[in-house]
Amino acid sequence: MLNTLSYGLLGLLAKEPCSGYDLMLRIQPFWQAKHSQIYPLLAKLERENYVQYERIEQRDKPDKKVYTITDLGREAVMEWLGEPPAETAFRDELSLKANCIWMTDRNTAAPLFLARMKQLETKIAYYEKLLTRIPEEERHIRSKHFGDYILLNRAISLAEGQIEWCKWVIQMLEDGQEV
């Protein structure tokens, strides 16, 4: 049985061959994964014949492995796509701090939300840049890029919603309103 990240990596490899580093970059907009998770999974997927790799020699760098999905990997992804998704896991340090906000003052609390807004604005700019790389003619359901297109739009929408929430909290802090 594969874990969700394994299926995600296989899905990305179904689009195009990638190195472990490229997979890490491609999955970041919608799944937080580090090198320390991805490389052992790729080794496991290779041992179990879900992927194969070609070693590419590089000058002044170690050789890299470029992975491709096998037929067994494609079958696994197709089966996984038919299963209902697990409930969303939500972990956010700002939410934990917001729960304790009553213990501090607005001069300590407001910068937390301002910093989050800045992070979100940076993410939105990055996602919008990625969005411009998807040509209009590739923004349809049969395109390999359709998933990227809809997920980037979702990420932008969610970030915009979080920015509005941060603004609301900051306004409440500035007004000194009781909750």
Foldseek 3Di string as FASTA:
>chain_A
DDDPVLLLLLLVLQLDWAFLVVSCVVCVLPDHDDSVPRPVSVVVCVVVQQKDWDWADDPPDHTTTTIHGDPVVVVVNVVVVPDDDDDDDDDDPLVVVVVVVVVDALVVNLVVLVVLLVVLVVLLVVLVVVLVVQDPVQCDDPHSCVVSNVSSVVSNVVSVVSNVVSVVVNVCRVVVDDD
